[in-house]
Amino acid sequence: MTTATILQRLMVAQVQAHLALGAAIEELALWTEQNGGAQAAQNARDALKALDESSELIGHCLEELGKE
């Protein structure tokens, strides 16, 4: 297995983990908001932005690795 292949697999796993974390955080944010924690819910959604940004970067890196 080449280094590029290993990196691709690791990055795919990382994106999958980001998606799972994002879904869980969003569910918790919704529950928190419904139970009077609007500020905590907003903080959770702000944190989701960081996950989205890093997932996008990983996606671009995967594209580049796929070109090799």
N, C-alpha and C. Protein backbone atom coordinates (compact mmCIF):
# COMPACT_ATOMS: atom_id res chain seq x y z
N MET A 1 0.86 -1.17 0.00
CA MET A 1 0.00 0.00 0.00
C MET A 1 0.91 1.24 0.00
N THR A 2 0.60 2.17 -0.87
CA THR A 2 1.42 3.37 -0.98
C THR A 2 1.07 4.38 0.12
N THR A 3 1.96 5.30 0.32
CA THR A 3 1.72 6.36 1.30
C THR A 3 0.49 7.17 0.92
N ALA A 4 0.33 7.46 -0.36
CA ALA A 4 -0.83 8.23 -0.82
C ALA A 4 -2.13 7.49 -0.52
N THR A 5 -2.14 6.18 -0.71
CA THR A 5 -3.33 5.39 -0.44
C THR A 5 -3.66 5.40 1.05
N ILE A 6 -2.64 5.27 1.87
CA ILE A 6 -2.84 5.31 3.31
C ILE A 6 -3.40 6.67 3.73
N LEU A 7 -2.84 7.74 3.19
CA LEU A 7 -3.33 9.08 3.50
C LEU A 7 -4.77 9.26 3.07
N GLN A 8 -5.11 8.76 1.89
CA GLN A 8 -6.49 8.87 1.41
C GLN A 8 -7.45 8.16 2.36
N ARG A 9 -7.09 6.96 2.78
CA ARG A 9 -7.96 6.21 3.67
C ARG A 9 -8.12 6.92 5.02
N LEU A 10 -7.02 7.45 5.52
CA LEU A 10 -7.08 8.18 6.79
C LEU A 10 -7.96 9.42 6.67
N MET A 11 -7.83 10.12 5.56
CA MET A 11 -8.62 11.34 5.36
C MET A 11 -10.10 11.02 5.20
N VAL A 12 -10.42 9.95 4.51
CA VAL A 12 -11.82 9.54 4.36
C VAL A 12 -12.40 9.21 5.74
N ALA A 13 -11.63 8.49 6.54
CA ALA A 13 -12.09 8.16 7.89
C ALA A 13 -12.29 9.43 8.72
N GLN A 14 -11.41 10.39 8.55
CA GLN A 14 -11.52 11.65 9.29
C GLN A 14 -12.78 12.42 8.88
N VAL A 15 -13.07 12.46 7.60
CA VAL A 15 -14.28 13.14 7.13
C VAL A 15 -15.52 12.43 7.69
N GLN A 16 -15.52 11.11 7.68
CA GLN A 16 -16.66 10.37 8.23
C GLN A 16 -16.85 10.68 9.71
N ALA A 17 -15.74 10.77 10.44
CA ALA A 17 -15.81 11.10 11.86
C ALA A 17 -16.34 12.52 12.04
N HIS A 18 -15.91 13.45 11.20
CA HIS A 18 -16.40 14.83 11.27
C HIS A 18 -17.90 14.88 11.04
N LEU A 19 -18.38 14.13 10.06
CA LEU A 19 -19.81 14.12 9.77
C LEU A 19 -20.61 13.55 10.95
N ALA A 20 -20.10 12.50 11.55
CA ALA A 20 -20.79 11.91 12.69
C ALA A 20 -20.80 12.87 13.88
N LEU A 21 -19.66 13.49 14.15
CA LEU A 21 -19.59 14.47 15.23
C LEU A 21 -20.52 15.65 14.97
N GLY A 22 -20.52 16.12 13.74
CA GLY A 22 -21.38 17.24 13.38
C GLY A 22 -22.84 16.92 13.60
N ALA A 23 -23.26 15.74 13.21
CA ALA A 23 -24.65 15.34 13.39
C ALA A 23 -25.00 15.26 14.87
N ALA A 24 -24.09 14.70 15.66
CA ALA A 24 -24.34 14.59 17.10
C ALA A 24 -24.40 15.96 17.75
N ILE A 25 -23.48 16.84 17.38
CA ILE A 25 -23.46 18.18 17.96
C ILE A 25 -24.73 18.95 17.59
N GLU A 26 -25.17 18.80 16.36
CA GLU A 26 -26.40 19.48 15.94
C GLU A 26 -27.61 18.98 16.72
N GLU A 27 -27.70 17.67 16.93
CA GLU A 27 -28.79 17.11 17.72
C GLU A 27 -28.76 17.66 19.15
N LEU A 28 -27.59 17.72 19.73
CA LEU A 28 -27.46 18.26 21.09
C LEU A 28 -27.80 19.75 21.12
N ALA A 29 -27.41 20.47 20.08
CA ALA A 29 -27.72 21.89 20.01
C ALA A 29 -29.23 22.11 19.95
N LEU A 30 -29.92 21.28 19.14
CA LEU A 30 -31.38 21.39 19.05
C LEU A 30 -32.04 21.12 20.40
N TRP A 31 -31.59 20.05 21.06
CA TRP A 31 -32.16 19.71 22.36
C TRP A 31 -31.90 20.83 23.38
N THR A 32 -30.67 21.34 23.37
CA THR A 32 -30.29 22.41 24.29
C THR A 32 -31.14 23.65 24.06
N GLU A 33 -31.32 23.99 22.79
CA GLU A 33 -32.11 25.17 22.45
C GLU A 33 -33.57 25.01 22.91
N GLN A 34 -34.12 23.82 22.72
CA GLN A 34 -35.50 23.56 23.11
C GLN A 34 -35.69 23.57 24.62
N ASN A 35 -34.59 23.42 25.34
CA ASN A 35 -34.65 23.37 26.80
C ASN A 35 -34.04 24.60 27.46
N GLY A 36 -34.08 25.71 26.74
CA GLY A 36 -33.69 26.99 27.32
C GLY A 36 -32.23 27.37 27.23
N GLY A 37 -31.45 26.63 26.48
CA GLY A 37 -30.02 26.94 26.39
C GLY A 37 -29.65 27.53 25.04
N ALA A 38 -30.27 28.63 24.68
CA ALA A 38 -30.05 29.22 23.35
C ALA A 38 -28.58 29.58 23.13
N GLN A 39 -27.91 30.14 24.15
CA GLN A 39 -26.52 30.54 23.97
C GLN A 39 -25.61 29.32 23.80
N ALA A 40 -25.85 28.29 24.59
CA ALA A 40 -25.05 27.07 24.45
C ALA A 40 -25.28 26.43 23.08
N ALA A 41 -26.51 26.47 22.60
CA ALA A 41 -26.81 25.92 21.28
C ALA A 41 -26.07 26.70 20.20
N GLN A 42 -26.04 28.02 20.33
CA GLN A 42 -25.32 28.84 19.35
C GLN A 42 -23.82 28.55 19.40
N ASN A 43 -23.29 28.37 20.59
CA ASN A 43 -21.87 28.03 20.72
C ASN A 43 -21.56 26.71 20.04
N ALA A 44 -22.47 25.74 20.18
CA ALA A 44 -22.27 24.45 19.52
C ALA A 44 -22.30 24.61 18.01
N ARG A 45 -23.21 25.43 17.52
CA ARG A 45 -23.29 25.64 16.06
C ARG A 45 -22.06 26.39 15.55
N ASP A 46 -21.52 27.28 16.34
CA ASP A 46 -20.28 27.96 15.96
C ASP A 46 -19.14 26.95 15.85
N ALA A 47 -19.11 26.00 16.76
CA ALA A 47 -18.07 24.95 16.71
C ALA A 47 -18.23 24.09 15.47
N LEU A 48 -19.47 23.90 15.02
CA LEU A 48 -19.71 23.12 13.81
C LEU A 48 -19.04 23.75 12.59
N LYS A 49 -18.93 25.06 12.58
CA LYS A 49 -18.29 25.75 11.46
C LYS A 49 -16.84 25.30 11.31
N ALA A 50 -16.15 25.12 12.43
CA ALA A 50 -14.76 24.66 12.38
C ALA A 50 -14.68 23.25 11.80
N LEU A 51 -15.63 22.39 12.19
CA LEU A 51 -15.67 21.04 11.62
C LEU A 51 -15.91 21.10 10.11
N ASP A 52 -16.83 21.95 9.69
CA ASP A 52 -17.13 22.08 8.26
C ASP A 52 -15.91 22.55 7.48
N GLU A 53 -15.21 23.54 8.03
CA GLU A 53 -14.03 24.08 7.35
C GLU A 53 -12.95 23.02 7.22
N SER A 54 -12.70 22.27 8.28
CA SER A 54 -11.64 21.27 8.19
C SER A 54 -12.05 20.12 7.27
N SER A 55 -13.35 19.79 7.25
CA SER A 55 -13.80 18.76 6.32
C SER A 55 -13.62 19.19 4.87
N GLU A 56 -13.87 20.46 4.61
CA GLU A 56 -13.65 20.98 3.25
C GLU A 56 -12.18 20.89 2.86
N LEU A 57 -11.30 21.24 3.78
CA LEU A 57 -9.86 21.17 3.50
C LEU A 57 -9.45 19.73 3.23
N ILE A 58 -9.95 18.81 4.04
CA ILE A 58 -9.62 17.40 3.83
C ILE A 58 -10.14 16.94 2.48
N GLY A 59 -11.33 17.38 2.09
CA GLY A 59 -11.88 17.03 0.78
C GLY A 59 -11.00 17.52 -0.35
N HIS A 60 -10.50 18.74 -0.24
CA HIS A 60 -9.60 19.27 -1.27
C HIS A 60 -8.30 18.47 -1.32
N CYS A 61 -7.79 18.10 -0.16
CA CYS A 61 -6.57 17.30 -0.12
C CYS A 61 -6.79 15.93 -0.75
N LEU A 62 -7.95 15.35 -0.50
CA LEU A 62 -8.28 14.07 -1.12
C LEU A 62 -8.31 14.18 -2.64
N GLU A 63 -8.87 15.26 -3.12
CA GLU A 63 -8.90 15.48 -4.57
C GLU A 63 -7.49 15.53 -5.13
N GLU A 64 -6.61 16.25 -4.47
CA GLU A 64 -5.23 16.37 -4.92
C GLU A 64 -4.51 15.03 -4.88
N LEU A 65 -4.72 14.27 -3.81
CA LEU A 65 -4.11 12.94 -3.73
C LEU A 65 -4.63 12.02 -4.83
N GLY A 66 -5.90 12.18 -5.18
CA GLY A 66 -6.48 11.37 -6.25
C GLY A 66 -5.90 11.66 -7.61
N LYS A 67 -5.30 12.81 -7.77
CA LYS A 67 -4.69 13.18 -9.05
C LYS A 67 -3.32 12.54 -9.25
N GLU A 68 -2.75 12.05 -8.15
CA GLU A 68 -1.40 11.44 -8.25
C GLU A 68 -1.44 10.05 -8.78
